[in-house]
């Protein structure tokens, strides 16, 4: 699993039947800043992820990649490589809160 930030969306009008109706989002994996260990920083990579949870742009999410993305009952027959499996509310490292989701 990885932490990633939703940075955009993707529209594909022609795709395999098994992924019709699923939202596709652009996600950018993040990691803990190696120098300060007090913030999350981008890895500089991006992926297209299938979203089944209702994530939105700017949200931090948990993603699973590779064969792990196909281990849920909903995705076992889908040709996907990245799946959003959780919405991140908080990230704490040692005694520091490095991320907290804004509350509405």
PDB file of N, CA and C in Angstrom:
ATOM      1  N   UNK A   1       0.845  -1.181   0.000  1.00  0.00           N
ATOM      2  CA  UNK A   1       0.000   0.000   0.000  1.00  0.00           C
ATOM      3  C   UNK A   1       0.885   1.237   0.000  1.00  0.00           C
ATOM      4  N   UNK A   2       0.345   2.298  -0.593  1.00  0.00           N
ATOM      5  CA  UNK A   2       1.039   3.568  -0.664  1.00  0.00           C
ATOM      6  C   UNK A   2       0.054   4.693  -0.376  1.00  0.00           C
ATOM      7  N   UNK A   3       0.584   5.811   0.125  1.00  0.00           N
ATOM      8  CA  UNK A   3      -0.207   7.035   0.245  1.00  0.00           C
ATOM      9  C   UNK A   3      -0.049   7.795  -1.060  1.00  0.00           C
ATOM     10  N   UNK A   4      -1.155   8.310  -1.584  1.00  0.00           N
ATOM     11  CA  UNK A   4      -1.106   9.090  -2.813  1.00  0.00           C
ATOM     12  C   UNK A   4      -2.097  10.242  -2.709  1.00  0.00           C
ATOM     13  N   UNK A   5      -1.866  11.268  -3.516  1.00  0.00           N
ATOM     14  CA  UNK A   5      -2.771  12.409  -3.577  1.00  0.00           C
ATOM     15  C   UNK A   5      -3.477  12.386  -4.923  1.00  0.00           C
ATOM     16  N   UNK A   6      -4.785  12.596  -4.894  1.00  0.00           N
ATOM     17  CA  UNK A   6      -5.549  12.670  -6.138  1.00  0.00           C
ATOM     18  C   UNK A   6      -5.284  14.037  -6.760  1.00  0.00           C
ATOM     19  N   UNK A   7      -4.735  14.035  -7.972  1.00  0.00           N
ATOM     20  CA  UNK A   7      -4.384  15.289  -8.628  1.00  0.00           C
ATOM     21  C   UNK A   7      -5.239  15.594  -9.852  1.00  0.00           C
ATOM     22  N   UNK A   8      -6.071  14.661 -10.272  1.00  0.00           N
ATOM     23  CA  UNK A   8      -6.906  14.901 -11.439  1.00  0.00           C
ATOM     24  C   UNK A   8      -7.772  13.703 -11.759  1.00  0.00           C
ATOM     25  N   UNK A   9      -8.443  13.792 -12.874  1.00  0.00           N
ATOM     26  CA  UNK A   9      -9.307  12.697 -13.318  1.00  0.00           C
ATOM     27  C   UNK A   9      -9.041  12.407 -14.785  1.00  0.00           C
ATOM     28  N   UNK A  10      -9.548  11.278 -15.228  1.00  0.00           N
ATOM     29  CA  UNK A  10      -9.354  10.843 -16.603  1.00  0.00           C
ATOM     30  C   UNK A  10     -10.692  10.372 -17.143  1.00  0.00           C
ATOM     31  N   UNK A  11     -11.027  10.787 -18.354  1.00  0.00           N
ATOM     32  CA  UNK A  11     -12.258  10.348 -19.002  1.00  0.00           C
ATOM     33  C   UNK A  11     -11.879   9.497 -20.205  1.00  0.00           C
ATOM     34  N   UNK A  12     -12.453   8.321 -20.272  1.00  0.00           N
ATOM     35  CA  UNK A  12     -12.241   7.419 -21.392  1.00  0.00           C
ATOM     36  C   UNK A  12     -13.612   6.938 -21.867  1.00  0.00           C
ATOM     37  N   UNK A  13     -14.013   7.372 -23.048  1.00  0.00           N
ATOM     38  CA  UNK A  13     -15.349   7.013 -23.533  1.00  0.00           C
ATOM     39  C   UNK A  13     -15.394   5.606 -24.118  1.00  0.00           C
ATOM     40  N   UNK A  14     -14.245   5.069 -24.477  1.00  0.00           N
ATOM     41  CA  UNK A  14     -14.189   3.702 -24.992  1.00  0.00           C
ATOM     42  C   UNK A  14     -13.235   2.900 -24.125  1.00  0.00           C
ATOM     43  N   UNK A  15     -13.758   1.867 -23.483  1.00  0.00           N
ATOM     44  CA  UNK A  15     -12.930   1.018 -22.625  1.00  0.00           C
ATOM     45  C   UNK A  15     -13.573  -0.354 -22.507  1.00  0.00           C
ATOM     46  N   UNK A  16     -12.864  -1.272 -21.906  1.00  0.00           N
ATOM     47  CA  UNK A  16     -13.389  -2.622 -21.716  1.00  0.00           C
ATOM     48  C   UNK A  16     -14.658  -2.590 -20.874  1.00  0.00           C
ATOM     49  N   UNK A  17     -15.575  -3.479 -21.170  1.00  0.00           N
ATOM     50  CA  UNK A  17     -16.839  -3.538 -20.436  1.00  0.00           C
ATOM     51  C   UNK A  17     -16.636  -3.684 -18.929  1.00  0.00           C
ATOM     52  N   UNK A  18     -15.586  -4.393 -18.517  1.00  0.00           N
ATOM     53  CA  UNK A  18     -15.387  -4.650 -17.094  1.00  0.00           C
ATOM     54  C   UNK A  18     -15.047  -3.399 -16.292  1.00  0.00           C
ATOM     55  N   UNK A  19     -14.638  -2.312 -16.957  1.00  0.00           N
ATOM     56  CA  UNK A  19     -14.339  -1.093 -16.201  1.00  0.00           C
ATOM     57  C   UNK A  19     -15.282   0.066 -16.540  1.00  0.00           C
ATOM     58  N   UNK A  20     -16.298  -0.213 -17.328  1.00  0.00           N
ATOM     59  CA  UNK A  20     -17.306   0.812 -17.615  1.00  0.00           C
ATOM     60  C   UNK A  20     -18.021   1.167 -16.311  1.00  0.00           C
ATOM     61  N   UNK A  21     -18.206   2.449 -16.069  1.00  0.00           N
ATOM     62  CA  UNK A  21     -18.914   2.912 -14.888  1.00  0.00           C
ATOM     63  C   UNK A  21     -18.026   3.211 -13.693  1.00  0.00           C
ATOM     64  N   UNK A  22     -16.748   2.910 -13.792  1.00  0.00           N
ATOM     65  CA  UNK A  22     -15.835   3.201 -12.693  1.00  0.00           C
ATOM     66  C   UNK A  22     -15.086   4.500 -12.962  1.00  0.00           C
ATOM     67  N   UNK A  23     -14.925   5.307 -11.901  1.00  0.00           N
ATOM     68  CA  UNK A  23     -14.231   6.582 -12.012  1.00  0.00           C
ATOM     69  C   UNK A  23     -12.726   6.329 -12.055  1.00  0.00           C
ATOM     70  N   UNK A  24     -12.059   7.000 -12.981  1.00  0.00           N
ATOM     71  CA  UNK A  24     -10.613   6.887 -13.108  1.00  0.00           C
ATOM     72  C   UNK A  24      -9.982   8.195 -12.639  1.00  0.00           C
ATOM     73  N   UNK A  25      -9.044   8.105 -11.718  1.00  0.00           N
ATOM     74  CA  UNK A  25      -8.402   9.286 -11.155  1.00  0.00           C
ATOM     75  C   UNK A  25      -6.901   9.231 -11.358  1.00  0.00           C
ATOM     76  N   UNK A  26      -6.303  10.403 -11.492  1.00  0.00           N
ATOM     77  CA  UNK A  26      -4.851  10.502 -11.538  1.00  0.00           C
ATOM     78  C   UNK A  26      -4.366  10.648 -10.095  1.00  0.00           C
ATOM     79  N   UNK A  27      -3.470   9.772  -9.680  1.00  0.00           N
ATOM     80  CA  UNK A  27      -2.931   9.828  -8.319  1.00  0.00           C
ATOM     81  C   UNK A  27      -1.413   9.955  -8.383  1.00  0.00           C
ATOM     82  N   UNK A  28      -0.888  10.669  -7.402  1.00  0.00           N
ATOM     83  CA  UNK A  28       0.547  10.916  -7.306  1.00  0.00           C
ATOM     84  C   UNK A  28       1.027  10.387  -5.955  1.00  0.00           C
ATOM     85  N   UNK A  29       1.824   9.325  -5.942  1.00  0.00           N
ATOM     86  CA  UNK A  29       2.304   8.785  -4.676  1.00  0.00           C
ATOM     87  C   UNK A  29       3.135   9.802  -3.891  1.00  0.00           C
ATOM     88  N   UNK A  30       2.998   9.766  -2.571  1.00  0.00           N
ATOM     89  CA  UNK A  30       3.749  10.621  -1.658  1.00  0.00           C
ATOM     90  C   UNK A  30       4.537   9.742  -0.704  1.00  0.00           C
ATOM     91  N   UNK A  31       5.558  10.331  -0.121  1.00  0.00           N
ATOM     92  CA  UNK A  31       6.383   9.637   0.872  1.00  0.00           C
ATOM     93  C   UNK A  31       6.710  10.625   1.979  1.00  0.00           C
ATOM     94  N   UNK A  32       7.219  10.117   3.064  1.00  0.00           N
ATOM     95  CA  UNK A  32       7.646  10.960   4.172  1.00  0.00           C
ATOM     96  C   UNK A  32       8.933  11.671   3.777  1.00  0.00           C
ATOM     97  N   UNK A  33       9.003  12.975   4.012  1.00  0.00           N
ATOM     98  CA  UNK A  33      10.212  13.746   3.727  1.00  0.00           C
ATOM     99  C   UNK A  33      11.371  13.144   4.521  1.00  0.00           C
ATOM    100  N   UNK A  34      12.409  12.717   3.831  1.00  0.00           N
ATOM    101  CA  UNK A  34      13.529  12.029   4.475  1.00  0.00           C
ATOM    102  C   UNK A  34      14.336  12.938   5.394  1.00  0.00           C
ATOM    103  N   UNK A  35      14.365  14.231   5.099  1.00  0.00           N
ATOM    104  CA  UNK A  35      15.169  15.157   5.909  1.00  0.00           C
ATOM    105  C   UNK A  35      14.484  15.546   7.211  1.00  0.00           C
ATOM    106  N   UNK A  36      13.223  15.960   7.117  1.00  0.00           N
ATOM    107  CA  UNK A  36      12.542  16.480   8.312  1.00  0.00           C
ATOM    108  C   UNK A  36      11.643  15.463   8.992  1.00  0.00           C
ATOM    109  N   UNK A  37      11.156  14.487   8.223  1.00  0.00           N
ATOM    110  CA  UNK A  37      10.172  13.499   8.719  1.00  0.00           C
ATOM    111  C   UNK A  37       8.940  14.177   9.312  1.00  0.00           C
ATOM    112  N   UNK A  38       8.615  15.383   8.827  1.00  0.00           N
ATOM    113  CA  UNK A  38       7.487  16.148   9.357  1.00  0.00           C
ATOM    114  C   UNK A  38       6.453  16.514   8.300  1.00  0.00           C
ATOM    115  N   UNK A  39       6.653  16.029   7.078  1.00  0.00           N
ATOM    116  CA  UNK A  39       5.688  16.321   6.018  1.00  0.00           C
ATOM    117  C   UNK A  39       5.759  15.246   4.945  1.00  0.00           C
ATOM    118  N   UNK A  40       4.695  15.172   4.164  1.00  0.00           N
ATOM    119  CA  UNK A  40       4.656  14.269   3.022  1.00  0.00           C
ATOM    120  C   UNK A  40       5.105  15.030   1.784  1.00  0.00           C
ATOM    121  N   UNK A  41       5.903  14.380   0.941  1.00  0.00           N
ATOM    122  CA  UNK A  41       6.387  14.994  -0.294  1.00  0.00           C
ATOM    123  C   UNK A  41       6.133  14.038  -1.457  1.00  0.00           C
ATOM    124  N   UNK A  42       5.980  14.611  -2.626  1.00  0.00           N
ATOM    125  CA  UNK A  42       5.691  13.803  -3.807  1.00  0.00           C
ATOM    126  C   UNK A  42       6.890  12.953  -4.216  1.00  0.00           C
ATOM    127  N   UNK A  43       6.590  11.840  -4.837  1.00  0.00           N
ATOM    128  CA  UNK A  43       7.648  11.005  -5.415  1.00  0.00           C
ATOM    129  C   UNK A  43       7.928  11.418  -6.854  1.00  0.00           C
ATOM    130  N   UNK A  44       7.043  12.257  -7.416  1.00  0.00           N
ATOM    131  CA  UNK A  44       7.219  12.707  -8.791  1.00  0.00           C
ATOM    132  C   UNK A  44       6.629  11.775  -9.834  1.00  0.00           C
ATOM    133  N   UNK A  45       5.948  10.735  -9.401  1.00  0.00           N
ATOM    134  CA  UNK A  45       5.339   9.781 -10.333  1.00  0.00           C
ATOM    135  C   UNK A  45       3.837   9.966 -10.344  1.00  0.00           C
ATOM    136  N   UNK A  46       3.173   9.490 -11.366  1.00  0.00           N
ATOM    137  CA  UNK A  46       1.712   9.515 -11.422  1.00  0.00           C
ATOM    138  C   UNK A  46       1.200   8.192 -11.954  1.00  0.00           C
ATOM    139  N   UNK A  47      -0.025   7.853 -11.537  1.00  0.00           N
ATOM    140  CA  UNK A  47      -0.687   6.629 -11.974  1.00  0.00           C
ATOM    141  C   UNK A  47      -2.154   6.932 -12.222  1.00  0.00           C
ATOM    142  N   UNK A  48      -2.779   6.098 -13.021  1.00  0.00           N
ATOM    143  CA  UNK A  48      -4.234   6.118 -13.168  1.00  0.00           C
ATOM    144  C   UNK A  48      -4.764   5.056 -12.220  1.00  0.00           C
ATOM    145  N   UNK A  49      -5.713   5.445 -11.360  1.00  0.00           N
ATOM    146  CA  UNK A  49      -6.266   4.515 -10.374  1.00  0.00           C
ATOM    147  C   UNK A  49      -7.776   4.412 -10.531  1.00  0.00           C
ATOM    148  N   UNK A  50      -8.306   3.231 -10.314  1.00  0.00           N
ATOM    149  CA  UNK A  50      -9.753   3.034 -10.273  1.00  0.00           C
ATOM    150  C   UNK A  50     -10.235   3.432  -8.885  1.00  0.00           C
ATOM    151  N   UNK A  51     -11.285   4.253  -8.845  1.00  0.00           N
ATOM    152  CA  UNK A  51     -11.835   4.733  -7.575  1.00  0.00           C
ATOM    153  C   UNK A  51     -13.215   4.150  -7.357  1.00  0.00           C
ATOM    154  N   UNK A  52     -13.392   3.432  -6.259  1.00  0.00           N
ATOM    155  CA  UNK A  52     -14.690   2.875  -5.895  1.00  0.00           C
ATOM    156  C   UNK A  52     -15.214   3.495  -4.603  1.00  0.00           C
ATOM    157  N   UNK A  53     -14.479   4.497  -4.074  1.00  0.00           N
ATOM    158  CA  UNK A  53     -14.823   5.056  -2.774  1.00  0.00           C
ATOM    159  C   UNK A  53     -15.340   6.488  -2.817  1.00  0.00           C
ATOM    160  N   UNK A  54     -15.233   7.153  -3.952  1.00  0.00           N
ATOM    161  CA  UNK A  54     -15.701   8.538  -4.040  1.00  0.00           C
ATOM    162  C   UNK A  54     -14.648   9.558  -3.669  1.00  0.00           C
ATOM    163  N   UNK A  55     -13.395   9.269  -3.925  1.00  0.00           N
ATOM    164  CA  UNK A  55     -12.318  10.223  -3.656  1.00  0.00           C
ATOM    165  C   UNK A  55     -12.440  11.406  -4.607  1.00  0.00           C
ATOM    166  N   UNK A  56     -11.859  12.519  -4.200  1.00  0.00           N
ATOM    167  CA  UNK A  56     -11.897  13.716  -5.031  1.00  0.00           C
ATOM    168  C   UNK A  56     -10.536  14.364  -5.130  1.00  0.00           C
ATOM    169  N   UNK A  57     -10.422  15.300  -6.041  1.00  0.00           N
ATOM    170  CA  UNK A  57      -9.155  15.989  -6.246  1.00  0.00           C
ATOM    171  C   UNK A  57      -8.698  16.645  -4.943  1.00  0.00           C
ATOM    172  N   UNK A  58      -7.427  16.460  -4.623  1.00  0.00           N
ATOM    173  CA  UNK A  58      -6.858  17.004  -3.395  1.00  0.00           C
ATOM    174  C   UNK A  58      -6.869  16.039  -2.228  1.00  0.00           C
ATOM    175  N   UNK A  59      -7.642  14.973  -2.313  1.00  0.00           N
ATOM    176  CA  UNK A  59      -7.688  13.980  -1.234  1.00  0.00           C
ATOM    177  C   UNK A  59      -6.418  13.140  -1.217  1.00  0.00           C
ATOM    178  N   UNK A  60      -5.982  12.795  -0.013  1.00  0.00           N
ATOM    179  CA  UNK A  60      -4.951  11.781   0.129  1.00  0.00           C
ATOM    180  C   UNK A  60      -5.663  10.444   0.285  1.00  0.00           C
ATOM    181  N   UNK A  61      -5.153   9.429  -0.419  1.00  0.00           N
ATOM    182  CA  UNK A  61      -5.796   8.121  -0.456  1.00  0.00           C
ATOM    183  C   UNK A  61      -4.750   7.030  -0.248  1.00  0.00           C
ATOM    184  N   UNK A  62      -5.231   5.835   0.080  1.00  0.00           N
ATOM    185  CA  UNK A  62      -4.389   4.645   0.086  1.00  0.00           C
ATOM    186  C   UNK A  62      -4.590   3.948  -1.245  1.00  0.00           C
ATOM    187  N   UNK A  63      -3.500   3.527  -1.864  1.00  0.00           N
ATOM    188  CA  UNK A  63      -3.619   2.792  -3.117  1.00  0.00           C
ATOM    189  C   UNK A  63      -2.939   1.433  -2.979  1.00  0.00           C
ATOM    190  N   UNK A  64      -3.468   0.474  -3.705  1.00  0.00           N
ATOM    191  CA  UNK A  64      -2.838  -0.837  -3.860  1.00  0.00           C
ATOM    192  C   UNK A  64      -2.487  -0.964  -5.334  1.00  0.00           C
ATOM    193  N   UNK A  65      -1.355  -1.595  -5.603  1.00  0.00           N
ATOM    194  CA  UNK A  65      -0.909  -1.729  -6.985  1.00  0.00           C
ATOM    195  C   UNK A  65      -0.615  -3.178  -7.331  1.00  0.00           C
ATOM    196  N   UNK A  66      -0.544  -3.438  -8.616  1.00  0.00           N
ATOM    197  CA  UNK A  66      -0.220  -4.768  -9.110  1.00  0.00           C
ATOM    198  C   UNK A  66      -1.323  -5.768  -8.811  1.00  0.00           C
ATOM    199  N   UNK A  67      -0.932  -7.004  -8.563  1.00  0.00           N
ATOM    200  CA  UNK A  67      -1.928  -8.055  -8.335  1.00  0.00           C
ATOM    201  C   UNK A  67      -2.777  -7.772  -7.099  1.00  0.00           C
ATOM    202  N   UNK A  68      -2.253  -7.015  -6.135  1.00  0.00           N
ATOM    203  CA  UNK A  68      -3.032  -6.664  -4.933  1.00  0.00           C
ATOM    204  C   UNK A  68      -4.269  -5.849  -5.282  1.00  0.00           C
ATOM    205  N   UNK A  69      -4.209  -5.084  -6.363  1.00  0.00           N
ATOM    206  CA  UNK A  69      -5.357  -4.273  -6.784  1.00  0.00           C
ATOM    207  C   UNK A  69      -6.503  -5.153  -7.288  1.00  0.00           C
ATOM    208  N   UNK A  70      -6.221  -6.399  -7.596  1.00  0.00           N
ATOM    209  CA  UNK A  70      -7.241  -7.303  -8.113  1.00  0.00           C
ATOM    210  C   UNK A  70      -7.677  -8.354  -7.093  1.00  0.00           C
ATOM    211  N   UNK A  71      -7.386  -8.128  -5.832  1.00  0.00           N
ATOM    212  CA  UNK A  71      -7.716  -9.118  -4.809  1.00  0.00           C
ATOM    213  C   UNK A  71      -9.034  -8.854  -4.089  1.00  0.00           C
ATOM    214  N   UNK A  72      -9.788  -7.853  -4.506  1.00  0.00           N
ATOM    215  CA  UNK A  72     -11.091  -7.608  -3.893  1.00  0.00           C
ATOM    216  C   UNK A  72     -12.163  -8.314  -4.706  1.00  0.00           C
ATOM    217  N   UNK A  73     -13.291  -8.631  -4.103  1.00  0.00           N
ATOM    218  CA  UNK A  73     -14.368  -9.262  -4.867  1.00  0.00           C
ATOM    219  C   UNK A  73     -14.817  -8.408  -6.056  1.00  0.00           C
ATOM    220  N   UNK A  74     -14.759  -7.079  -5.890  1.00  0.00           N
ATOM    221  CA  UNK A  74     -15.212  -6.175  -6.954  1.00  0.00           C
ATOM    222  C   UNK A  74     -14.228  -6.086  -8.118  1.00  0.00           C
ATOM    223  N   UNK A  75     -12.953  -6.335  -7.866  1.00  0.00           N
ATOM    224  CA  UNK A  75     -11.938  -6.112  -8.902  1.00  0.00           C
ATOM    225  C   UNK A  75     -11.273  -7.376  -9.435  1.00  0.00           C
ATOM    226  N   UNK A  76     -11.686  -8.534  -8.959  1.00  0.00           N
ATOM    227  CA  UNK A  76     -10.960  -9.762  -9.310  1.00  0.00           C
ATOM    228  C   UNK A  76     -10.940 -10.057 -10.803  1.00  0.00           C
ATOM    229  N   UNK A  77     -11.913  -9.561 -11.558  1.00  0.00           N
ATOM    230  CA  UNK A  77     -11.941  -9.808 -13.001  1.00  0.00           C
ATOM    231  C   UNK A  77     -11.686  -8.561 -13.820  1.00  0.00           C
ATOM    232  N   UNK A  78     -11.074  -7.553 -13.199  1.00  0.00           N
ATOM    233  CA  UNK A  78     -10.813  -6.286 -13.885  1.00  0.00           C
ATOM    234  C   UNK A  78      -9.327  -6.164 -14.242  1.00  0.00           C
ATOM    235  N   UNK A  79      -9.019  -5.664 -15.430  1.00  0.00           N
ATOM    236  CA  UNK A  79      -7.615  -5.498 -15.831  1.00  0.00           C
ATOM    237  C   UNK A  79      -7.048  -4.179 -15.300  1.00  0.00           C
ATOM    238  N   UNK A  80      -6.879  -4.094 -13.975  1.00  0.00           N
ATOM    239  CA  UNK A  80      -6.395  -2.851 -13.380  1.00  0.00           C
ATOM    240  C   UNK A  80      -5.078  -3.091 -12.664  1.00  0.00           C
ATOM    241  N   UNK A  81      -4.321  -2.010 -12.494  1.00  0.00           N
ATOM    242  CA  UNK A  81      -3.039  -2.096 -11.819  1.00  0.00           C
ATOM    243  C   UNK A  81      -2.984  -1.231 -10.563  1.00  0.00           C
ATOM    244  N   UNK A  82      -3.864  -0.235 -10.453  1.00  0.00           N
ATOM    245  CA  UNK A  82      -3.870   0.636  -9.276  1.00  0.00           C
ATOM    246  C   UNK A  82      -5.306   0.867  -8.831  1.00  0.00           C
ATOM    247  N   UNK A  83      -5.563   0.666  -7.537  1.00  0.00           N
ATOM    248  CA  UNK A  83      -6.897   0.790  -6.973  1.00  0.00           C
ATOM    249  C   UNK A  83      -6.848   1.645  -5.720  1.00  0.00           C
ATOM    250  N   UNK A  84      -7.773   2.587  -5.600  1.00  0.00           N
ATOM    251  CA  UNK A  84      -7.909   3.354  -4.367  1.00  0.00           C
ATOM    252  C   UNK A  84      -8.659   2.474  -3.376  1.00  0.00           C
ATOM    253  N   UNK A  85      -8.007   2.184  -2.237  1.00  0.00           N
ATOM    254  CA  UNK A  85      -8.597   1.269  -1.260  1.00  0.00           C
ATOM    255  C   UNK A  85      -8.964   1.955   0.048  1.00  0.00           C
ATOM    256  N   UNK A  86      -8.632   3.240   0.180  1.00  0.00           N
ATOM    257  CA  UNK A  86      -8.960   3.955   1.410  1.00  0.00           C
ATOM    258  C   UNK A  86      -8.787   5.450   1.247  1.00  0.00           C
ATOM    259  N   UNK A  87      -9.530   6.211   2.055  1.00  0.00           N
ATOM    260  CA  UNK A  87      -9.383   7.663   2.124  1.00  0.00           C
ATOM    261  C   UNK A  87      -8.629   7.965   3.413  1.00  0.00           C
ATOM    262  N   UNK A  88      -7.566   8.736   3.321  1.00  0.00           N
ATOM    263  CA  UNK A  88      -6.709   9.009   4.476  1.00  0.00           C
ATOM    264  C   UNK A  88      -7.280  10.170   5.286  1.00  0.00           C
ATOM    265  N   UNK A  89      -7.457   9.941   6.579  1.00  0.00           N
ATOM    266  CA  UNK A  89      -7.918  10.995   7.482  1.00  0.00           C
ATOM    267  C   UNK A  89      -6.751  11.667   8.202  1.00  0.00           C
ATOM    268  N   UNK A  90      -5.807  10.881   8.657  1.00  0.00           N
ATOM    269  CA  UNK A  90      -4.664  11.422   9.392  1.00  0.00           C
ATOM    270  C   UNK A  90      -3.434  10.565   9.152  1.00  0.00           C
ATOM    271  N   UNK A  91      -2.268  11.213   9.210  1.00  0.00           N
ATOM    272  CA  UNK A  91      -0.997  10.492   9.174  1.00  0.00           C
ATOM    273  C   UNK A  91      -0.155  11.029  10.328  1.00  0.00           C
ATOM    274  N   UNK A  92       0.263  10.132  11.213  1.00  0.00           N
ATOM    275  CA  UNK A  92       1.117  10.491  12.347  1.00  0.00           C
ATOM    276  C   UNK A  92       2.411   9.705  12.229  1.00  0.00           C
ATOM    277  N   UNK A  93       3.531  10.388  12.404  1.00  0.00           N
ATOM    278  CA  UNK A  93       4.835   9.744  12.416  1.00  0.00           C
ATOM    279  C   UNK A  93       5.519  10.160  13.710  1.00  0.00           C
ATOM    280  N   UNK A  94       5.858   9.163  14.500  1.00  0.00           N
ATOM    281  CA  UNK A  94       6.406   9.395  15.827  1.00  0.00           C
ATOM    282  C   UNK A  94       5.450  10.315  16.588  1.00  0.00           C
ATOM    283  N   UNK A  95       5.861  11.485  16.992  1.00  0.00           N
ATOM    284  CA  UNK A  95       4.968  12.372  17.743  1.00  0.00           C
ATOM    285  C   UNK A  95       4.428  13.519  16.899  1.00  0.00           C
ATOM    286  N   UNK A  96       4.534  13.412  15.573  1.00  0.00           N
ATOM    287  CA  UNK A  96       4.165  14.510  14.684  1.00  0.00           C
ATOM    288  C   UNK A  96       3.008  14.127  13.781  1.00  0.00           C
ATOM    289  N   UNK A  97       2.038  15.030  13.668  1.00  0.00           N
ATOM    290  CA  UNK A  97       0.967  14.864  12.691  1.00  0.00           C
ATOM    291  C   UNK A  97       1.458  15.461  11.382  1.00  0.00           C
ATOM    292  N   UNK A  98       1.681  14.606  10.389  1.00  0.00           N
ATOM    293  CA  UNK A  98       2.196  15.098   9.106  1.00  0.00           C
ATOM    294  C   UNK A  98       1.082  15.372   8.103  1.00  0.00           C
ATOM    295  N   UNK A  99      -0.128  14.922   8.410  1.00  0.00           N
ATOM    296  CA  UNK A  99      -1.277  15.213   7.545  1.00  0.00           C
ATOM    297  C   UNK A  99      -2.550  15.016   8.346  1.00  0.00           C
ATOM    298  N   UNK A 100      -3.493  15.937   8.150  1.00  0.00           N
ATOM    299  CA  UNK A 100      -4.823  15.792   8.716  1.00  0.00           C
ATOM    300  C   UNK A 100      -5.822  16.310   7.693  1.00  0.00           C
ATOM    301  N   UNK A 101      -6.775  15.468   7.353  1.00  0.00           N
ATOM    302  CA  UNK A 101      -7.784  15.823   6.358  1.00  0.00           C
ATOM    303  C   UNK A 101      -8.669  16.948   6.909  1.00  0.00           C
ATOM    304  N   UNK A 102      -8.933  17.925   6.076  1.00  0.00           N
ATOM    305  CA  UNK A 102      -9.796  19.033   6.473  1.00  0.00           C
ATOM    306  C   UNK A 102     -11.196  18.519   6.732  1.00  0.00           C
ATOM    307  N   UNK A 103     -11.785  18.968   7.788  1.00  0.00           N
ATOM    308  CA  UNK A 103     -13.150  18.578   8.151  1.00  0.00           C
ATOM    309  C   UNK A 103     -14.122  19.621   7.635  1.00  0.00           C
ATOM    310  N   UNK A 104     -15.231  19.163   7.078  1.00  0.00           N
ATOM    311  CA  UNK A 104     -16.254  20.100   6.592  1.00  0.00           C
ATOM    312  C   UNK A 104     -17.201  20.483   7.692  1.00  0.00           C
TER     313      UNK A 104
END
